[in-house]
Every structure is written in C-alpha cells, then in structure tokens.
C-alpha cells in the first residue's frame, strides 16, 4: 500500500509515510521548515556531528531510512523519524518556530492515532478534502470506493509476497495497459498532466473501469491462490483484460471512447 502523504506547516511541505502504524516524517523537510536553510541536507549532516560531540547522543539512531518521493517524482531513501523522534530532533534546532511546530506535530500525529482507532475518520477527511476542491458528491463516492478497492488489492499483493512499491507499480501498469491500452505514465501524457494523481483527473467512467480492473485482479489472485511476482503479474494482466473487454464493449455500443484527454479537474468550478 502506498502510504506517502504531504503535510503542510506554515506553507512548508513535510513529507511523511505510515510505518508500523504511525507517521514518520522526513527529517530534512522538518529542518527546512524550521530553519529556512537553503541546504537542509547539509544542516542535518552537521547537526548530527554537533549533537554527537555535545552529549554523546546520535540523532541518526532514532531515524529510519524510508523511501519518500522527491520533487523529480522518484523515490529515494530518506532519514525519517516518528513523532517522538522528531520532538527529540527539534530540541537541538534553535528556531522561533519550534514551539508552534511541536503543537502542529502533536495534532498531526494524533490524527493517525484517531484513524487507527476509527478507520472511518480517514475516509471522512478524504471526502472533506475533495469537497473543498469542488468535486461533486457522485464523483467523490466513486473516488473513495476506488481507494478502498486499491487498498484491498495492495493488501492482497502484500499477503502474496509480490514485493514492494516497484513491483506494485509494474503490476498496476499491467492492469492499466490491459484496461485502457495505456500504462499510468502514458495515461498522464495522454491527459497532459505531470506529477498529479492520475485518478483525481479521471471522470466517472474512467474511475469505474479502473476499479473493475483492480477488483477483478484481486478476485483472480484469491481464487487462483497466486504466489510471488510472476503469478500475480499474470493475474494483473487477466484482471485488466476483464475490464478492457467491458470497456471495448461499451465503446462499441455507445459509439464513444471511455478514455478522454479531458482533464476532469479543469472542469470544476472553484
């Protein structure tokens, strides 16, 4: 499951990822937000040396190296820390923003605790986000359902030892290619978008066929009890073909293509 998210503190983007059921935050993003440093990576490097020399405590020991998406759209190993670790790190950063950041961090961290105790909260927050962007309720219902279908599929892949994010991307491309005749990256080019989320730019029918491809893949994987990457790649292709055949039949009978260059977001009135 892809659990990468952005949080915003006073206009600064803080990358975060769910690891062991809690938020872990990018340390260099936190440093940039608190110090406005032009080179937060260098600041972090020197800070680790300084703190180690001062109190024999290594900040790096409270960090985990996790893959986060960078500005170029690729994922790189990044020093991350959970809420408790970030609290420890910012104690060593002289910044007037430290106290407001602590309050912000406590609130953001608590949101995850709430979501674990009540998973419906995550759905409610997602719904509110799309409502704020001006999406109609009918579209939001499909988008949220699509998220649930996607999570069910990635959970199934995890159980079946498919691999990690890289393998998930390959399997997703197989489903998309068989469903729409395009991989996700080709679909983005088709719609003229770059790093944005492709499905946020799909209309109702595109979302429906995306769901059908992924739901079919999940069902095939379960029924055939697929194991490993190769078997699940075949299941992904087969699931996509189910959705692709349904799409072609609709296009033949309606006389209209399902995939459209129209960028759905641009049709919204903000």
Protein backbone atom coordinates (compact mmCIF):
# COMPACT_ATOMS: atom_id res chain seq x y z
CA UNK A 1 0.00 0.00 0.00
CA UNK A 2 1.25 3.42 -0.86
CA UNK A 3 1.03 5.47 2.29
CA UNK A 4 3.02 8.51 1.25
CA UNK A 5 1.42 11.85 2.18
CA UNK A 6 2.25 15.51 2.40
CA UNK A 7 1.53 17.63 5.46
CA UNK A 8 1.77 21.41 5.47
CA UNK A 9 3.31 23.54 8.22
CA UNK A 10 3.15 27.30 7.62
CA UNK A 11 3.34 26.81 3.85
CA UNK A 12 6.19 24.29 4.01
CA UNK A 13 5.65 20.75 2.73
CA UNK A 14 6.57 17.96 5.13
CA UNK A 15 6.74 14.51 3.54
CA UNK A 16 5.52 11.69 5.73
CA UNK A 17 4.82 7.98 5.47
CA UNK A 18 2.99 5.46 7.62
CA UNK A 19 5.44 2.96 9.07
CA UNK A 20 4.46 0.42 11.75
CA UNK A 21 1.06 2.14 12.05
CA UNK A 22 2.41 5.61 12.87
CA UNK A 23 3.53 8.65 10.96
CA UNK A 24 7.22 9.02 10.17
CA UNK A 25 8.33 12.45 8.92
CA UNK A 26 11.18 13.49 6.62
CA UNK A 27 13.87 15.00 8.87
CA UNK A 28 15.28 17.31 6.19
CA UNK A 29 11.78 18.65 5.46
CA UNK A 30 11.31 19.42 9.15
CA UNK A 31 14.71 21.16 9.25
CA UNK A 32 13.86 23.23 6.19
CA UNK A 33 10.51 24.25 7.71
CA UNK A 34 12.11 25.31 11.00
CA UNK A 35 15.32 26.93 9.75
CA UNK A 36 14.60 28.07 6.16
CA UNK A 37 18.01 26.58 5.36
CA UNK A 38 18.98 26.65 1.68
CA UNK A 39 20.69 23.28 2.20
CA UNK A 40 18.76 21.27 4.82
CA UNK A 41 20.70 18.10 3.97
CA UNK A 42 23.98 19.80 4.91
CA UNK A 43 22.35 21.29 8.03
CA UNK A 44 21.23 17.79 9.10
CA UNK A 45 24.68 16.30 8.42
CA UNK A 46 26.44 18.93 10.54
CA UNK A 47 23.76 18.78 13.22
CA UNK A 48 24.29 15.04 13.73
CA UNK A 49 28.02 15.62 14.22
CA UNK A 50 27.47 18.55 16.60
CA UNK A 51 24.91 16.77 18.78
CA UNK A 52 27.04 13.62 18.96
CA UNK A 53 30.02 15.68 20.15
CA UNK A 54 27.93 17.64 22.66
CA UNK A 55 26.05 14.92 24.53
CA UNK A 56 27.20 11.58 23.10
CA UNK A 57 23.74 11.04 21.64
CA UNK A 58 23.47 10.05 17.98
CA UNK A 59 20.41 11.53 16.31
CA UNK A 60 20.72 9.07 13.47
CA UNK A 61 19.86 6.20 15.86
CA UNK A 62 16.30 7.47 16.23
CA UNK A 63 15.79 7.65 12.47
CA UNK A 64 14.74 5.07 9.94
CA UNK A 65 15.68 5.22 6.29
CA UNK A 66 12.47 5.03 4.29
CA UNK A 67 11.68 5.71 0.64
CA UNK A 68 9.93 9.04 0.03
CA UNK A 69 9.04 10.70 -3.24
CA UNK A 70 11.26 13.62 -4.22
CA UNK A 71 10.48 16.68 -6.36
CA UNK A 72 11.56 14.77 -9.50
CA UNK A 73 8.80 12.21 -8.92
CA UNK A 74 11.23 9.42 -7.99
CA UNK A 75 11.57 7.77 -4.56
CA UNK A 76 14.79 7.97 -2.57
CA UNK A 77 15.98 6.65 0.79
CA UNK A 78 15.39 9.45 3.30
CA UNK A 79 16.06 9.85 7.02
CA UNK A 80 12.67 9.75 8.76
CA UNK A 81 11.57 9.77 12.39
CA UNK A 82 8.30 9.19 14.20
CA UNK A 83 6.61 11.88 16.27
CA UNK A 84 8.68 11.14 19.37
CA UNK A 85 11.90 11.16 17.36
CA UNK A 86 11.08 14.46 15.67
CA UNK A 87 10.40 16.01 19.09
CA UNK A 88 13.91 14.94 20.14
CA UNK A 89 15.47 16.31 16.96
CA UNK A 90 13.83 19.76 17.14
CA UNK A 91 15.12 20.19 20.68
CA UNK A 92 18.52 20.63 19.03
CA UNK A 93 17.31 23.17 16.48
CA UNK A 94 17.38 26.82 17.62
CA UNK A 95 14.28 28.20 15.95
CA UNK A 96 11.41 30.50 16.98
CA UNK A 97 9.13 28.12 15.06
CA UNK A 98 9.97 25.18 17.33
CA UNK A 99 7.07 25.58 19.77
CA UNK A 100 4.37 26.11 17.11
CA UNK A 101 5.82 23.14 15.25
CA UNK A 102 5.56 20.94 18.36
CA UNK A 103 1.86 21.77 18.65
CA UNK A 104 1.35 21.10 14.94
CA UNK A 105 3.25 17.82 15.17
CA UNK A 106 1.22 16.64 18.17
CA UNK A 107 -2.02 17.33 16.29
CA UNK A 108 -0.89 15.65 13.07
CA UNK A 109 0.43 12.62 14.96
CA UNK A 110 -2.79 12.31 16.92
CA UNK A 111 -4.80 12.26 13.70
CA UNK A 112 -3.14 8.94 12.84
CA UNK A 113 -3.94 7.53 16.28
CA UNK A 114 -7.57 8.52 15.74
CA UNK A 115 -7.64 6.87 12.32
CA UNK A 116 -6.27 3.61 13.71
CA UNK A 117 -8.97 3.60 16.39
CA UNK A 118 -11.68 4.68 13.92
CA UNK A 119 -10.75 3.96 10.25
CA UNK A 120 -13.84 5.86 9.05
CA UNK A 121 -12.11 9.11 10.05
CA UNK A 122 -9.58 8.72 7.23
CA UNK A 123 -12.44 8.37 4.75
CA UNK A 124 -14.21 11.41 6.20
CA UNK A 125 -11.05 13.51 5.89
CA UNK A 126 -10.54 12.37 2.30
CA UNK A 127 -14.14 13.22 1.48
CA UNK A 128 -13.79 16.68 3.04
CA UNK A 129 -10.63 17.32 1.02
CA UNK A 130 -12.35 16.55 -2.29
CA UNK A 131 -15.41 18.57 -1.27
CA UNK A 132 -13.15 21.55 -0.58
CA UNK A 133 -11.69 21.17 -4.07
CA UNK A 134 -15.16 21.35 -5.61
CA UNK A 135 -15.69 17.76 -6.72
CA UNK A 136 -19.35 16.65 -6.91
CA UNK A 137 -20.61 14.06 -4.42
CA UNK A 138 -21.27 11.46 -7.13
CA UNK A 139 -17.62 11.62 -8.22
CA UNK A 140 -16.35 11.58 -4.61
CA UNK A 141 -18.29 8.39 -3.90
CA UNK A 142 -16.58 6.64 -6.81
CA UNK A 143 -13.15 8.02 -5.92
CA UNK A 144 -13.40 6.85 -2.30
CA UNK A 145 -14.68 3.46 -3.40
CA UNK A 146 -11.76 3.28 -5.80
CA UNK A 147 -9.33 3.97 -2.97
CA UNK A 148 -10.86 1.12 -0.98
CA UNK A 149 -10.63 -1.23 -3.98
CA UNK A 150 -7.00 -0.24 -4.47
CA UNK A 151 -6.12 -0.82 -0.82
CA UNK A 152 -7.79 -4.24 -0.91
CA UNK A 153 -5.66 -5.14 -3.92
CA UNK A 154 -2.35 -3.94 -2.42
CA UNK A 155 -3.17 -5.74 0.83
CA UNK A 156 -3.66 -8.90 -1.22
CA UNK A 157 -0.34 -8.36 -3.00
CA UNK A 158 1.36 -7.97 0.35
CA UNK A 159 -0.05 -11.30 1.53
CA UNK A 160 1.11 -12.95 -1.68
CA UNK A 161 4.76 -11.84 -1.45
CA UNK A 162 4.70 -9.74 -4.59
CA UNK A 163 7.47 -7.40 -3.41
CA UNK A 164 7.42 -3.67 -2.71
CA UNK A 165 6.45 -0.39 -4.34
CA UNK A 166 8.44 -1.09 -7.51
CA UNK A 167 6.64 -4.40 -8.10
CA UNK A 168 3.28 -2.81 -7.26
CA UNK A 169 3.94 -0.16 -9.94
CA UNK A 170 4.73 -2.83 -12.53
CA UNK A 171 1.56 -4.78 -11.74
CA UNK A 172 -0.52 -1.60 -11.77
CA UNK A 173 0.88 -0.80 -15.21
CA UNK A 174 -0.17 -4.29 -16.40
CA UNK A 175 -3.74 -3.71 -15.21
CA UNK A 176 -3.91 -0.24 -16.75
CA UNK A 177 -2.42 -1.37 -20.07
CA UNK A 178 -4.97 -4.18 -20.39
CA UNK A 179 -7.85 -1.97 -19.23
CA UNK A 180 -7.20 1.24 -21.17
CA UNK A 181 -4.42 0.36 -23.61
CA UNK A 182 -2.12 2.71 -21.69
CA UNK A 183 0.16 2.46 -18.67
CA UNK A 184 -0.39 5.11 -15.95
CA UNK A 185 2.55 7.19 -17.21
CA UNK A 186 1.22 7.01 -20.77
CA UNK A 187 -2.23 7.93 -19.47
CA UNK A 188 -0.78 11.01 -17.75
CA UNK A 189 0.85 12.07 -21.01
CA UNK A 190 -2.46 11.45 -22.78
CA UNK A 191 -4.22 13.80 -20.35
CA UNK A 192 -1.39 16.31 -20.22
CA UNK A 193 -0.65 16.04 -16.50
CA UNK A 194 2.69 15.51 -14.75
CA UNK A 195 3.12 14.68 -11.06
CA UNK A 196 -0.53 14.99 -10.06
CA UNK A 197 -2.57 11.95 -9.09
CA UNK A 198 -3.96 10.49 -12.32
CA UNK A 199 -7.24 9.31 -10.79
CA UNK A 200 -8.04 12.78 -9.49
CA UNK A 201 -8.20 13.77 -13.17
CA UNK A 202 -10.41 10.89 -14.32
CA UNK A 203 -14.13 11.18 -14.95
CA UNK A 204 -16.76 8.74 -13.65
CA UNK A 205 -16.38 6.05 -16.32
CA UNK A 206 -12.59 6.08 -16.15
CA UNK A 207 -12.78 5.58 -12.39
CA UNK A 208 -15.31 2.76 -12.77
CA UNK A 209 -13.15 0.81 -15.22
CA UNK A 210 -10.06 1.40 -13.06
CA UNK A 211 -11.96 -0.16 -10.16
CA UNK A 212 -13.17 -3.05 -12.30
CA UNK A 213 -9.62 -3.88 -13.40
CA UNK A 214 -8.28 -3.85 -9.84
CA UNK A 215 -11.25 -5.65 -8.29
CA UNK A 216 -11.03 -8.35 -10.98
CA UNK A 217 -7.30 -8.74 -10.30
CA UNK A 218 -7.96 -9.20 -6.59
CA UNK A 219 -10.62 -11.83 -7.26
CA UNK A 220 -8.42 -13.76 -9.69
CA UNK A 221 -5.46 -13.69 -7.29
CA UNK A 222 -7.63 -15.03 -4.47
CA UNK A 223 -9.30 -17.76 -6.48
CA UNK A 224 -6.06 -18.96 -8.09
CA UNK A 225 -4.10 -18.51 -4.85
CA UNK A 226 -1.29 -16.80 -6.72
CA UNK A 227 2.16 -16.60 -5.12
CA UNK A 228 5.02 -14.26 -5.88
CA UNK A 229 5.53 -11.61 -8.53
CA UNK A 230 5.29 -13.70 -11.73
CA UNK A 231 1.97 -15.37 -10.90
CA UNK A 232 0.47 -12.09 -9.74
CA UNK A 233 1.65 -10.36 -12.89
CA UNK A 234 -0.41 -12.85 -14.87
CA UNK A 235 -3.38 -12.21 -12.58
CA UNK A 236 -2.96 -8.45 -13.04
CA UNK A 237 -3.00 -8.82 -16.81
CA UNK A 238 -6.05 -11.09 -16.66
CA UNK A 239 -7.90 -8.68 -14.37
CA UNK A 240 -7.12 -5.81 -16.70
CA UNK A 241 -8.37 -7.80 -19.69
CA UNK A 242 -11.73 -8.29 -17.93
CA UNK A 243 -12.09 -4.52 -17.56
CA UNK A 244 -10.63 -3.87 -21.02
CA UNK A 245 -13.17 -6.13 -22.71
CA UNK A 246 -16.01 -4.43 -20.83
CA UNK A 247 -14.68 -1.01 -21.87
CA UNK A 248 -14.44 -2.03 -25.54
CA UNK A 249 -17.97 -3.41 -25.50
CA UNK A 250 -19.32 -0.17 -24.02
CA UNK A 251 -17.42 1.91 -26.56
CA UNK A 252 -18.77 -0.23 -29.40
CA UNK A 253 -22.38 0.07 -28.24
CA UNK A 254 -22.25 3.72 -27.16
CA UNK A 255 -20.09 4.97 -30.01
CA UNK A 256 -17.97 6.97 -27.56
CA UNK A 257 -14.48 6.43 -26.15
CA UNK A 258 -14.15 5.93 -22.38
CA UNK A 259 -10.64 7.38 -22.13
CA UNK A 260 -10.65 11.10 -22.77
CA UNK A 261 -7.96 13.76 -22.97
CA UNK A 262 -10.24 15.93 -20.84
CA UNK A 263 -8.64 16.85 -17.54
CA UNK A 264 -11.52 16.41 -15.10
CA UNK A 265 -10.10 18.87 -12.55
CA UNK A 266 -10.23 21.68 -15.09
CA UNK A 267 -13.98 21.21 -15.47
CA UNK A 268 -14.59 22.03 -11.81
CA UNK A 269 -15.70 25.47 -10.68
CA UNK A 270 -13.68 26.67 -7.70
